[in-house]
């Protein structure tokens, strides 16, 4: 009898540790939510709905991974949505109006989006300007440039062939190709988070930039690199979105930065830097995508989705704030 109790104790302890992990709790909430909603509306677990949900989820999740890295470094990036929209507009314009080969146009479009990431990193990392003000400015710049180049109109990629559309429309073993791209990116960044010296330096920079500098870490270089990475991911997502829909909308990506930040915060990424994970950010996006999909299926107004996301973000950030204050008080005591 005593032996069975001793064997059970480590198991119970392991379960208790799991319940304290944000990722486990989020996964549990999502699984329970899936089960409950599948009983409420049979349309939820259908192949068509799951595929539509995975398509909508993939790009936001990829951007959230880049956003998580920026937030961990102690930064902030409001320009990813505008970079997303600008990239698609540049590619479509070069192909449609200037006769560029689609892959050449895609390369220039991605370079443009990455360039905005570098601009953010240079102004924030090298010049020391506030991340919120800097990325708000580049958000307006990128959106304004997209509107100027397209004259506020939709630009098509009609006649592009089959290779480019495969990025956003193709299937691999029944899975959307863009979802496969997301899975690969997630696995790569999970590895980077665990094994990369660069990522370790990102965590140190976000925890305390001054302490990181005293340790010999080039925090300016780190800050530039995280914004370049975030801009690159946003640009690639803008290209995939263009290939999916076949049209470039200058307002594409509007609001995706808020969703990405909310998902990261829900997944445990600290808005003060130094803390976060890839699974947490991805599960945050999955939870928001699930809630959005559920609200649509039960006939709730689409405008309610942002309200729900905002309420969840406010609750999570408030809870984290008080939790950190409690931990600080405990440490001091």
C-alpha atoms as a PDB file:
ATOM      1  CA  UNK A   1       0.000   0.000   0.000  1.00  0.00           C
ATOM      2  CA  UNK A   2       2.786   2.370   0.994  1.00  0.00           C
ATOM      3  CA  UNK A   3       4.602   1.584  -2.265  1.00  0.00           C
ATOM      4  CA  UNK A   4       1.620   2.609  -4.402  1.00  0.00           C
ATOM      5  CA  UNK A   5       1.361   5.907  -2.529  1.00  0.00           C
ATOM      6  CA  UNK A   6       5.080   6.584  -3.061  1.00  0.00           C
ATOM      7  CA  UNK A   7       4.687   5.814  -6.753  1.00  0.00           C
ATOM      8  CA  UNK A   8       1.653   8.076  -7.017  1.00  0.00           C
ATOM      9  CA  UNK A   9       3.348  11.033  -5.344  1.00  0.00           C
ATOM     10  CA  UNK A  10       5.756  11.821  -8.210  1.00  0.00           C
ATOM     11  CA  UNK A  11       2.885  11.518 -10.671  1.00  0.00           C
ATOM     12  CA  UNK A  12       0.737  13.917  -8.662  1.00  0.00           C
ATOM     13  CA  UNK A  13       3.680  16.259  -8.277  1.00  0.00           C
ATOM     14  CA  UNK A  14       4.247  16.155 -12.012  1.00  0.00           C
ATOM     15  CA  UNK A  15       0.593  16.957 -12.666  1.00  0.00           C
ATOM     16  CA  UNK A  16       0.728  19.848 -10.203  1.00  0.00           C
ATOM     17  CA  UNK A  17       3.803  21.250 -11.984  1.00  0.00           C
ATOM     18  CA  UNK A  18       2.007  20.975 -15.313  1.00  0.00           C
ATOM     19  CA  UNK A  19      -1.006  22.918 -14.060  1.00  0.00           C
ATOM     20  CA  UNK A  20       1.321  25.782 -13.163  1.00  0.00           C
ATOM     21  CA  UNK A  21       2.633  26.016 -16.728  1.00  0.00           C
ATOM     22  CA  UNK A  22       0.823  28.520 -18.958  1.00  0.00           C
ATOM     23  CA  UNK A  23       1.137  26.373 -22.070  1.00  0.00           C
ATOM     24  CA  UNK A  24      -0.475  23.339 -20.427  1.00  0.00           C
ATOM     25  CA  UNK A  25      -3.380  25.373 -19.062  1.00  0.00           C
ATOM     26  CA  UNK A  26      -3.951  27.002 -22.459  1.00  0.00           C
ATOM     27  CA  UNK A  27      -3.868  23.640 -24.231  1.00  0.00           C
ATOM     28  CA  UNK A  28      -6.341  22.217 -21.731  1.00  0.00           C
ATOM     29  CA  UNK A  29      -8.714  25.176 -22.192  1.00  0.00           C
ATOM     30  CA  UNK A  30      -8.503  24.836 -25.988  1.00  0.00           C
ATOM     31  CA  UNK A  31      -9.146  21.060 -25.944  1.00  0.00           C
ATOM     32  CA  UNK A  32     -12.141  21.463 -23.626  1.00  0.00           C
ATOM     33  CA  UNK A  33     -13.400  24.326 -25.779  1.00  0.00           C
ATOM     34  CA  UNK A  34     -13.126  22.208 -28.944  1.00  0.00           C
ATOM     35  CA  UNK A  35     -15.106  19.394 -27.331  1.00  0.00           C
ATOM     36  CA  UNK A  36     -17.846  21.683 -25.995  1.00  0.00           C
ATOM     37  CA  UNK A  37     -18.280  23.656 -29.235  1.00  0.00           C
ATOM     38  CA  UNK A  38     -18.368  20.463 -31.319  1.00  0.00           C
ATOM     39  CA  UNK A  39     -21.520  19.502 -29.369  1.00  0.00           C
ATOM     40  CA  UNK A  40     -23.029  22.999 -29.708  1.00  0.00           C
ATOM     41  CA  UNK A  41     -22.554  23.207 -33.478  1.00  0.00           C
ATOM     42  CA  UNK A  42     -21.798  20.153 -35.668  1.00  0.00           C
ATOM     43  CA  UNK A  43     -20.271  22.445 -38.300  1.00  0.00           C
ATOM     44  CA  UNK A  44     -17.267  23.138 -36.057  1.00  0.00           C
ATOM     45  CA  UNK A  45     -15.386  19.835 -36.426  1.00  0.00           C
ATOM     46  CA  UNK A  46     -16.021  19.444 -40.160  1.00  0.00           C
ATOM     47  CA  UNK A  47     -13.071  19.152 -42.548  1.00  0.00           C
ATOM     48  CA  UNK A  48     -14.038  22.396 -44.318  1.00  0.00           C
ATOM     49  CA  UNK A  49     -14.126  24.395 -41.082  1.00  0.00           C
ATOM     50  CA  UNK A  50     -10.883  22.905 -39.743  1.00  0.00           C
ATOM     51  CA  UNK A  51      -9.096  23.696 -43.009  1.00  0.00           C
ATOM     52  CA  UNK A  52     -10.461  27.245 -43.042  1.00  0.00           C
ATOM     53  CA  UNK A  53      -9.392  27.689 -39.428  1.00  0.00           C
ATOM     54  CA  UNK A  54      -5.882  26.390 -40.123  1.00  0.00           C
ATOM     55  CA  UNK A  55      -5.521  28.785 -43.067  1.00  0.00           C
ATOM     56  CA  UNK A  56      -6.588  31.779 -41.021  1.00  0.00           C
ATOM     57  CA  UNK A  57      -4.448  30.662 -38.092  1.00  0.00           C
ATOM     58  CA  UNK A  58      -1.170  29.943 -39.905  1.00  0.00           C
ATOM     59  CA  UNK A  59      -0.043  33.438 -40.947  1.00  0.00           C
ATOM     60  CA  UNK A  60      -1.018  35.058 -37.648  1.00  0.00           C
ATOM     61  CA  UNK A  61       0.846  32.320 -35.761  1.00  0.00           C
ATOM     62  CA  UNK A  62       3.987  32.896 -37.852  1.00  0.00           C
ATOM     63  CA  UNK A  63       3.872  36.625 -37.181  1.00  0.00           C
ATOM     64  CA  UNK A  64       3.291  35.916 -33.480  1.00  0.00           C
ATOM     65  CA  UNK A  65       6.517  33.908 -33.351  1.00  0.00           C
ATOM     66  CA  UNK A  66       8.429  36.921 -34.661  1.00  0.00           C
ATOM     67  CA  UNK A  67       6.520  39.199 -32.290  1.00  0.00           C
ATOM     68  CA  UNK A  68       7.393  36.937 -29.343  1.00  0.00           C
ATOM     69  CA  UNK A  69      11.108  37.335 -30.093  1.00  0.00           C
ATOM     70  CA  UNK A  70      10.753  41.136 -30.204  1.00  0.00           C
ATOM     71  CA  UNK A  71       8.765  41.222 -26.958  1.00  0.00           C
ATOM     72  CA  UNK A  72      11.282  38.970 -25.203  1.00  0.00           C
ATOM     73  CA  UNK A  73      14.040  41.415 -26.191  1.00  0.00           C
ATOM     74  CA  UNK A  74      12.134  44.159 -24.373  1.00  0.00           C
ATOM     75  CA  UNK A  75      10.757  45.701 -27.582  1.00  0.00           C
ATOM     76  CA  UNK A  76       7.468  46.180 -29.352  1.00  0.00           C
ATOM     77  CA  UNK A  77       6.467  46.123 -33.023  1.00  0.00           C
ATOM     78  CA  UNK A  78       3.278  47.767 -34.258  1.00  0.00           C
ATOM     79  CA  UNK A  79       4.432  47.831 -37.890  1.00  0.00           C
ATOM     80  CA  UNK A  80       4.094  44.128 -38.793  1.00  0.00           C
ATOM     81  CA  UNK A  81       0.562  44.500 -40.183  1.00  0.00           C
ATOM     82  CA  UNK A  82       1.558  47.400 -42.432  1.00  0.00           C
ATOM     83  CA  UNK A  83       4.700  45.533 -43.545  1.00  0.00           C
ATOM     84  CA  UNK A  84       2.474  42.554 -44.380  1.00  0.00           C
ATOM     85  CA  UNK A  85       0.197  44.715 -46.547  1.00  0.00           C
ATOM     86  CA  UNK A  86       3.051  46.663 -48.183  1.00  0.00           C
ATOM     87  CA  UNK A  87       4.900  43.500 -49.209  1.00  0.00           C
ATOM     88  CA  UNK A  88       1.891  42.099 -51.065  1.00  0.00           C
ATOM     89  CA  UNK A  89       1.261  45.450 -52.753  1.00  0.00           C
ATOM     90  CA  UNK A  90       4.872  45.782 -53.944  1.00  0.00           C
ATOM     91  CA  UNK A  91       4.931  42.245 -55.360  1.00  0.00           C
ATOM     92  CA  UNK A  92       1.594  42.646 -57.177  1.00  0.00           C
ATOM     93  CA  UNK A  93       2.525  46.055 -58.602  1.00  0.00           C
ATOM     94  CA  UNK A  94       5.916  44.904 -59.902  1.00  0.00           C
ATOM     95  CA  UNK A  95       4.331  41.856 -61.534  1.00  0.00           C
ATOM     96  CA  UNK A  96       1.098  43.425 -62.819  1.00  0.00           C
ATOM     97  CA  UNK A  97       2.210  46.887 -63.941  1.00  0.00           C
ATOM     98  CA  UNK A  98       5.946  46.618 -64.506  1.00  0.00           C
ATOM     99  CA  UNK A  99       6.280  43.122 -65.962  1.00  0.00           C
ATOM    100  CA  UNK A 100       8.648  41.679 -63.373  1.00  0.00           C
ATOM    101  CA  UNK A 101       8.865  37.875 -63.077  1.00  0.00           C
ATOM    102  CA  UNK A 102       6.769  36.897 -60.063  1.00  0.00           C
ATOM    103  CA  UNK A 103       9.664  35.444 -58.078  1.00  0.00           C
ATOM    104  CA  UNK A 104      11.829  38.481 -58.765  1.00  0.00           C
ATOM    105  CA  UNK A 105       8.964  40.701 -57.628  1.00  0.00           C
ATOM    106  CA  UNK A 106       8.563  38.503 -54.538  1.00  0.00           C
ATOM    107  CA  UNK A 107      12.243  38.939 -53.699  1.00  0.00           C
ATOM    108  CA  UNK A 108      11.987  42.738 -53.930  1.00  0.00           C
ATOM    109  CA  UNK A 109       8.768  42.720 -51.891  1.00  0.00           C
ATOM    110  CA  UNK A 110      10.351  40.660 -49.110  1.00  0.00           C
ATOM    111  CA  UNK A 111      13.433  42.895 -49.166  1.00  0.00           C
ATOM    112  CA  UNK A 112      11.143  45.931 -48.786  1.00  0.00           C
ATOM    113  CA  UNK A 113       9.378  44.463 -45.767  1.00  0.00           C
ATOM    114  CA  UNK A 114      12.672  43.371 -44.216  1.00  0.00           C
ATOM    115  CA  UNK A 115      14.009  46.875 -44.852  1.00  0.00           C
ATOM    116  CA  UNK A 116      11.279  48.310 -42.640  1.00  0.00           C
ATOM    117  CA  UNK A 117      12.318  45.798 -39.981  1.00  0.00           C
ATOM    118  CA  UNK A 118      15.906  47.027 -40.264  1.00  0.00           C
ATOM    119  CA  UNK A 119      14.725  50.638 -40.020  1.00  0.00           C
ATOM    120  CA  UNK A 120      12.900  49.784 -36.789  1.00  0.00           C
ATOM    121  CA  UNK A 121      15.956  48.011 -35.418  1.00  0.00           C
ATOM    122  CA  UNK A 122      18.364  50.805 -36.351  1.00  0.00           C
ATOM    123  CA  UNK A 123      16.249  53.586 -34.840  1.00  0.00           C
ATOM    124  CA  UNK A 124      15.460  51.580 -31.691  1.00  0.00           C
ATOM    125  CA  UNK A 125      18.731  49.673 -31.235  1.00  0.00           C
ATOM    126  CA  UNK A 126      21.289  52.165 -32.498  1.00  0.00           C
ATOM    127  CA  UNK A 127      19.609  55.503 -31.822  1.00  0.00           C
ATOM    128  CA  UNK A 128      17.778  54.463 -28.660  1.00  0.00           C
ATOM    129  CA  UNK A 129      14.330  55.766 -29.650  1.00  0.00           C
ATOM    130  CA  UNK A 130      11.272  54.356 -27.855  1.00  0.00           C
ATOM    131  CA  UNK A 131       9.991  51.161 -29.613  1.00  0.00           C
ATOM    132  CA  UNK A 132       6.330  52.188 -29.345  1.00  0.00           C
ATOM    133  CA  UNK A 133       6.899  55.565 -31.026  1.00  0.00           C
ATOM    134  CA  UNK A 134       9.279  54.131 -33.629  1.00  0.00           C
ATOM    135  CA  UNK A 135       7.085  51.251 -34.761  1.00  0.00           C
ATOM    136  CA  UNK A 136       3.969  53.419 -34.677  1.00  0.00           C
ATOM    137  CA  UNK A 137       5.760  55.769 -37.084  1.00  0.00           C
ATOM    138  CA  UNK A 138       6.897  52.974 -39.411  1.00  0.00           C
ATOM    139  CA  UNK A 139       3.413  51.451 -39.260  1.00  0.00           C
ATOM    140  CA  UNK A 140       1.998  54.708 -40.632  1.00  0.00           C
ATOM    141  CA  UNK A 141       4.849  55.000 -43.164  1.00  0.00           C
ATOM    142  CA  UNK A 142       4.439  51.470 -44.542  1.00  0.00           C
ATOM    143  CA  UNK A 143       0.654  51.748 -44.770  1.00  0.00           C
ATOM    144  CA  UNK A 144       0.907  55.158 -46.388  1.00  0.00           C
ATOM    145  CA  UNK A 145       3.445  53.863 -48.921  1.00  0.00           C
ATOM    146  CA  UNK A 146       1.182  50.923 -49.802  1.00  0.00           C
ATOM    147  CA  UNK A 147      -1.751  53.287 -50.306  1.00  0.00           C
ATOM    148  CA  UNK A 148       0.359  55.671 -52.396  1.00  0.00           C
ATOM    149  CA  UNK A 149       1.795  52.979 -54.667  1.00  0.00           C
ATOM    150  CA  UNK A 150      -1.575  51.301 -55.284  1.00  0.00           C
ATOM    151  CA  UNK A 151      -3.593  54.555 -55.195  1.00  0.00           C
ATOM    152  CA  UNK A 152      -5.749  52.772 -52.638  1.00  0.00           C
ATOM    153  CA  UNK A 153      -6.834  50.153 -55.174  1.00  0.00           C
ATOM    154  CA  UNK A 154      -6.739  46.367 -55.257  1.00  0.00           C
ATOM    155  CA  UNK A 155      -4.020  44.955 -57.549  1.00  0.00           C
ATOM    156  CA  UNK A 156      -4.407  41.452 -58.982  1.00  0.00           C
ATOM    157  CA  UNK A 157      -1.810  38.841 -59.930  1.00  0.00           C
ATOM    158  CA  UNK A 158      -3.906  37.400 -62.744  1.00  0.00           C
ATOM    159  CA  UNK A 159      -1.939  35.141 -65.111  1.00  0.00           C
ATOM    160  CA  UNK A 160       0.773  34.403 -62.565  1.00  0.00           C
ATOM    161  CA  UNK A 161       0.798  30.654 -63.293  1.00  0.00           C
ATOM    162  CA  UNK A 162       0.549  27.775 -60.820  1.00  0.00           C
ATOM    163  CA  UNK A 163       3.843  27.890 -58.879  1.00  0.00           C
ATOM    164  CA  UNK A 164       3.286  31.088 -56.927  1.00  0.00           C
ATOM    165  CA  UNK A 165      -0.367  30.401 -55.948  1.00  0.00           C
ATOM    166  CA  UNK A 166       0.747  27.050 -54.509  1.00  0.00           C
ATOM    167  CA  UNK A 167       2.266  28.923 -51.544  1.00  0.00           C
ATOM    168  CA  UNK A 168      -1.151  29.979 -50.312  1.00  0.00           C
ATOM    169  CA  UNK A 169      -3.460  27.486 -52.011  1.00  0.00           C
ATOM    170  CA  UNK A 170      -1.486  24.254 -52.369  1.00  0.00           C
ATOM    171  CA  UNK A 171      -1.930  21.066 -50.369  1.00  0.00           C
ATOM    172  CA  UNK A 172       0.636  18.554 -49.112  1.00  0.00           C
ATOM    173  CA  UNK A 173      -0.903  15.224 -48.071  1.00  0.00           C
ATOM    174  CA  UNK A 174      -4.206  17.031 -47.538  1.00  0.00           C
ATOM    175  CA  UNK A 175      -2.672  19.789 -45.407  1.00  0.00           C
ATOM    176  CA  UNK A 176      -2.539  23.405 -46.637  1.00  0.00           C
ATOM    177  CA  UNK A 177       1.034  24.226 -47.670  1.00  0.00           C
ATOM    178  CA  UNK A 178       1.012  27.446 -45.643  1.00  0.00           C
ATOM    179  CA  UNK A 179       0.119  25.404 -42.548  1.00  0.00           C
ATOM    180  CA  UNK A 180       3.098  23.140 -43.253  1.00  0.00           C
ATOM    181  CA  UNK A 181       5.304  26.240 -43.551  1.00  0.00           C
ATOM    182  CA  UNK A 182       4.042  27.366 -40.142  1.00  0.00           C
ATOM    183  CA  UNK A 183       4.805  23.950 -38.582  1.00  0.00           C
ATOM    184  CA  UNK A 184       8.364  24.033 -39.977  1.00  0.00           C
ATOM    185  CA  UNK A 185       8.893  27.607 -38.729  1.00  0.00           C
ATOM    186  CA  UNK A 186       7.568  26.677 -35.281  1.00  0.00           C
ATOM    187  CA  UNK A 187       9.890  23.656 -34.999  1.00  0.00           C
ATOM    188  CA  UNK A 188      12.886  25.722 -36.128  1.00  0.00           C
ATOM    189  CA  UNK A 189      12.188  28.420 -33.551  1.00  0.00           C
ATOM    190  CA  UNK A 190      11.575  25.931 -30.742  1.00  0.00           C
ATOM    191  CA  UNK A 191      15.069  24.629 -31.494  1.00  0.00           C
ATOM    192  CA  UNK A 192      16.469  28.186 -31.662  1.00  0.00           C
ATOM    193  CA  UNK A 193      14.886  29.065 -28.320  1.00  0.00           C
ATOM    194  CA  UNK A 194      16.489  26.028 -26.665  1.00  0.00           C
ATOM    195  CA  UNK A 195      19.893  25.834 -28.357  1.00  0.00           C
ATOM    196  CA  UNK A 196      20.806  29.219 -29.845  1.00  0.00           C
ATOM    197  CA  UNK A 197      23.325  31.516 -28.112  1.00  0.00           C
ATOM    198  CA  UNK A 198      21.711  34.412 -29.992  1.00  0.00           C
ATOM    199  CA  UNK A 199      18.313  33.662 -28.471  1.00  0.00           C
ATOM    200  CA  UNK A 200      19.867  33.361 -25.021  1.00  0.00           C
ATOM    201  CA  UNK A 201      21.291  36.847 -25.537  1.00  0.00           C
ATOM    202  CA  UNK A 202      17.836  38.068 -26.580  1.00  0.00           C
ATOM    203  CA  UNK A 203      16.466  36.838 -23.239  1.00  0.00           C
ATOM    204  CA  UNK A 204      19.323  38.505 -21.347  1.00  0.00           C
ATOM    205  CA  UNK A 205      18.756  41.766 -23.237  1.00  0.00           C
ATOM    206  CA  UNK A 206      15.055  41.730 -22.412  1.00  0.00           C
ATOM    207  CA  UNK A 207      15.630  40.895 -18.755  1.00  0.00           C
ATOM    208  CA  UNK A 208      18.125  43.730 -18.236  1.00  0.00           C
ATOM    209  CA  UNK A 209      19.850  45.509 -21.119  1.00  0.00           C
ATOM    210  CA  UNK A 210      22.422  47.125 -18.814  1.00  0.00           C
ATOM    211  CA  UNK A 211      23.329  43.846 -17.133  1.00  0.00           C
ATOM    212  CA  UNK A 212      23.580  42.214 -20.573  1.00  0.00           C
ATOM    213  CA  UNK A 213      25.972  44.950 -21.738  1.00  0.00           C
ATOM    214  CA  UNK A 214      28.136  44.482 -18.650  1.00  0.00           C
ATOM    215  CA  UNK A 215      28.268  40.776 -19.545  1.00  0.00           C
ATOM    216  CA  UNK A 216      29.714  41.655 -22.948  1.00  0.00           C
ATOM    217  CA  UNK A 217      26.526  41.243 -25.020  1.00  0.00           C
ATOM    218  CA  UNK A 218      26.118  43.696 -27.889  1.00  0.00           C
ATOM    219  CA  UNK A 219      22.531  44.667 -27.048  1.00  0.00           C
ATOM    220  CA  UNK A 220      22.319  47.174 -29.908  1.00  0.00           C
ATOM    221  CA  UNK A 221      23.092  44.430 -32.414  1.00  0.00           C
ATOM    222  CA  UNK A 222      20.592  42.099 -30.728  1.00  0.00           C
ATOM    223  CA  UNK A 223      17.828  44.719 -30.943  1.00  0.00           C
ATOM    224  CA  UNK A 224      18.507  45.358 -34.626  1.00  0.00           C
ATOM    225  CA  UNK A 225      18.459  41.622 -35.391  1.00  0.00           C
ATOM    226  CA  UNK A 226      15.106  40.924 -33.685  1.00  0.00           C
ATOM    227  CA  UNK A 227      13.339  43.668 -35.644  1.00  0.00           C
ATOM    228  CA  UNK A 228      14.897  42.517 -38.919  1.00  0.00           C
ATOM    229  CA  UNK A 229      13.651  39.000 -38.154  1.00  0.00           C
ATOM    230  CA  UNK A 230      10.143  40.241 -37.323  1.00  0.00           C
ATOM    231  CA  UNK A 231      10.030  42.336 -40.507  1.00  0.00           C
ATOM    232  CA  UNK A 232      11.219  39.372 -42.590  1.00  0.00           C
ATOM    233  CA  UNK A 233       8.535  37.041 -41.182  1.00  0.00           C
ATOM    234  CA  UNK A 234       5.828  39.680 -41.724  1.00  0.00           C
ATOM    235  CA  UNK A 235       7.012  40.174 -45.316  1.00  0.00           C
ATOM    236  CA  UNK A 236       6.991  36.427 -46.060  1.00  0.00           C
ATOM    237  CA  UNK A 237       3.472  36.208 -44.623  1.00  0.00           C
ATOM    238  CA  UNK A 238       2.419  39.128 -46.841  1.00  0.00           C
ATOM    239  CA  UNK A 239       3.735  37.236 -49.870  1.00  0.00           C
ATOM    240  CA  UNK A 240       1.909  34.033 -48.881  1.00  0.00           C
ATOM    241  CA  UNK A 241      -1.312  36.001 -48.336  1.00  0.00           C
ATOM    242  CA  UNK A 242      -1.003  37.455 -51.831  1.00  0.00           C
ATOM    243  CA  UNK A 243      -0.498  33.986 -53.298  1.00  0.00           C
ATOM    244  CA  UNK A 244      -3.544  32.726 -51.402  1.00  0.00           C
ATOM    245  CA  UNK A 245      -6.024  35.373 -52.552  1.00  0.00           C
ATOM    246  CA  UNK A 246      -4.467  36.459 -55.865  1.00  0.00           C
ATOM    247  CA  UNK A 247      -5.028  40.128 -55.059  1.00  0.00           C
ATOM    248  CA  UNK A 248      -3.059  42.717 -53.085  1.00  0.00           C
ATOM    249  CA  UNK A 249      -5.116  44.929 -50.792  1.00  0.00           C
ATOM    250  CA  UNK A 250      -3.140  47.896 -49.387  1.00  0.00           C
ATOM    251  CA  UNK A 251      -5.044  47.593 -46.093  1.00  0.00           C
ATOM    252  CA  UNK A 252      -4.172  43.872 -45.737  1.00  0.00           C
ATOM    253  CA  UNK A 253      -2.823  42.933 -42.331  1.00  0.00           C
ATOM    254  CA  UNK A 254      -4.668  45.730 -40.569  1.00  0.00           C
ATOM    255  CA  UNK A 255      -4.937  44.782 -36.889  1.00  0.00           C
ATOM    256  CA  UNK A 256      -2.802  41.641 -37.126  1.00  0.00           C
ATOM    257  CA  UNK A 257      -0.170  43.285 -34.911  1.00  0.00           C
ATOM    258  CA  UNK A 258      -2.706  43.618 -32.082  1.00  0.00           C
ATOM    259  CA  UNK A 259      -3.748  39.975 -32.444  1.00  0.00           C
ATOM    260  CA  UNK A 260      -0.096  38.877 -32.408  1.00  0.00           C
ATOM    261  CA  UNK A 261       0.700  40.907 -29.284  1.00  0.00           C
ATOM    262  CA  UNK A 262      -2.460  39.638 -27.560  1.00  0.00           C
ATOM    263  CA  UNK A 263      -1.604  36.028 -28.463  1.00  0.00           C
ATOM    264  CA  UNK A 264       1.931  36.386 -27.100  1.00  0.00           C
ATOM    265  CA  UNK A 265       0.663  37.942 -23.859  1.00  0.00           C
ATOM    266  CA  UNK A 266      -1.968  35.210 -23.444  1.00  0.00           C
ATOM    267  CA  UNK A 267       0.758  32.604 -24.046  1.00  0.00           C
ATOM    268  CA  UNK A 268       2.960  33.972 -21.276  1.00  0.00           C
ATOM    269  CA  UNK A 269       5.301  36.333 -23.127  1.00  0.00           C
ATOM    270  CA  UNK A 270       6.059  39.261 -20.851  1.00  0.00           C
ATOM    271  CA  UNK A 271       5.351  42.705 -22.310  1.00  0.00           C
ATOM    272  CA  UNK A 272       8.251  43.923 -20.165  1.00  0.00           C
ATOM    273  CA  UNK A 273      10.734  41.562 -21.807  1.00  0.00           C
ATOM    274  CA  UNK A 274      12.853  38.604 -20.762  1.00  0.00           C
ATOM    275  CA  UNK A 275      10.139  35.938 -20.748  1.00  0.00           C
ATOM    276  CA  UNK A 276       8.229  33.978 -23.384  1.00  0.00           C
ATOM    277  CA  UNK A 277       8.061  30.841 -25.524  1.00  0.00           C
ATOM    278  CA  UNK A 278       7.100  29.714 -29.015  1.00  0.00           C
ATOM    279  CA  UNK A 279       4.452  27.174 -27.884  1.00  0.00           C
ATOM    280  CA  UNK A 280       2.867  29.829 -25.664  1.00  0.00           C
ATOM    281  CA  UNK A 281       2.599  32.337 -28.530  1.00  0.00           C
ATOM    282  CA  UNK A 282       1.200  29.694 -30.895  1.00  0.00           C
ATOM    283  CA  UNK A 283      -1.357  28.474 -28.349  1.00  0.00           C
ATOM    284  CA  UNK A 284      -2.380  32.102 -27.752  1.00  0.00           C
ATOM    285  CA  UNK A 285      -3.122  32.478 -31.470  1.00  0.00           C
ATOM    286  CA  UNK A 286      -4.958  29.142 -31.508  1.00  0.00           C
ATOM    287  CA  UNK A 287      -7.157  30.242 -28.608  1.00  0.00           C
ATOM    288  CA  UNK A 288      -8.032  33.543 -30.310  1.00  0.00           C
ATOM    289  CA  UNK A 289      -8.662  31.764 -33.643  1.00  0.00           C
ATOM    290  CA  UNK A 290     -10.889  29.237 -31.881  1.00  0.00           C
ATOM    291  CA  UNK A 291     -12.910  31.980 -30.175  1.00  0.00           C
ATOM    292  CA  UNK A 292     -13.269  33.891 -33.448  1.00  0.00           C
ATOM    293  CA  UNK A 293     -14.383  30.772 -35.318  1.00  0.00           C
ATOM    294  CA  UNK A 294     -16.813  29.819 -32.549  1.00  0.00           C
ATOM    295  CA  UNK A 295     -18.419  33.276 -32.513  1.00  0.00           C
ATOM    296  CA  UNK A 296     -18.945  33.117 -36.282  1.00  0.00           C
ATOM    297  CA  UNK A 297     -20.480  29.628 -36.167  1.00  0.00           C
ATOM    298  CA  UNK A 298     -22.941  30.476 -33.402  1.00  0.00           C
ATOM    299  CA  UNK A 299     -24.063  33.554 -35.329  1.00  0.00           C
ATOM    300  CA  UNK A 300     -22.481  36.257 -33.160  1.00  0.00           C
ATOM    301  CA  UNK A 301     -21.571  39.568 -34.791  1.00  0.00           C
ATOM    302  CA  UNK A 302     -18.095  39.598 -36.340  1.00  0.00           C
ATOM    303  CA  UNK A 303     -17.486  42.939 -34.622  1.00  0.00           C
ATOM    304  CA  UNK A 304     -17.699  41.222 -31.257  1.00  0.00           C
ATOM    305  CA  UNK A 305     -14.497  39.276 -31.937  1.00  0.00           C
ATOM    306  CA  UNK A 306     -12.168  42.230 -31.294  1.00  0.00           C
ATOM    307  CA  UNK A 307     -14.073  43.042 -28.115  1.00  0.00           C
ATOM    308  CA  UNK A 308     -13.599  39.484 -26.811  1.00  0.00           C
ATOM    309  CA  UNK A 309      -9.879  39.525 -27.741  1.00  0.00           C
ATOM    310  CA  UNK A 310      -9.431  42.870 -26.010  1.00  0.00           C
ATOM    311  CA  UNK A 311     -11.149  41.670 -22.832  1.00  0.00           C
ATOM    312  CA  UNK A 312      -9.005  38.521 -22.724  1.00  0.00           C
ATOM    313  CA  UNK A 313      -5.803  40.550 -23.267  1.00  0.00           C
ATOM    314  CA  UNK A 314      -6.732  43.027 -20.530  1.00  0.00           C
ATOM    315  CA  UNK A 315      -7.493  40.216 -18.068  1.00  0.00           C
ATOM    316  CA  UNK A 316      -4.260  38.368 -18.866  1.00  0.00           C
ATOM    317  CA  UNK A 317      -2.036  41.453 -18.643  1.00  0.00           C
ATOM    318  CA  UNK A 318      -3.706  42.534 -15.381  1.00  0.00           C
ATOM    319  CA  UNK A 319      -3.314  39.048 -13.885  1.00  0.00           C
ATOM    320  CA  UNK A 320       0.361  38.917 -14.923  1.00  0.00           C
ATOM    321  CA  UNK A 321       0.975  42.369 -13.441  1.00  0.00           C
ATOM    322  CA  UNK A 322      -0.405  41.410 -10.041  1.00  0.00           C
ATOM    323  CA  UNK A 323       1.299  38.015 -10.146  1.00  0.00           C
ATOM    324  CA  UNK A 324       4.685  39.667 -10.706  1.00  0.00           C
ATOM    325  CA  UNK A 325       4.054  42.145  -7.901  1.00  0.00           C
ATOM    326  CA  UNK A 326       3.170  39.240  -5.607  1.00  0.00           C
ATOM    327  CA  UNK A 327       6.347  37.362  -6.569  1.00  0.00           C
ATOM    328  CA  UNK A 328       8.463  40.488  -6.039  1.00  0.00           C
ATOM    329  CA  UNK A 329       6.908  41.013  -2.602  1.00  0.00           C
ATOM    330  CA  UNK A 330       7.566  37.354  -1.728  1.00  0.00           C
ATOM    331  CA  UNK A 331      11.209  37.631  -2.868  1.00  0.00           C
ATOM    332  CA  UNK A 332      11.793  40.787  -0.821  1.00  0.00           C
ATOM    333  CA  UNK A 333      10.158  39.210   2.232  1.00  0.00           C
END
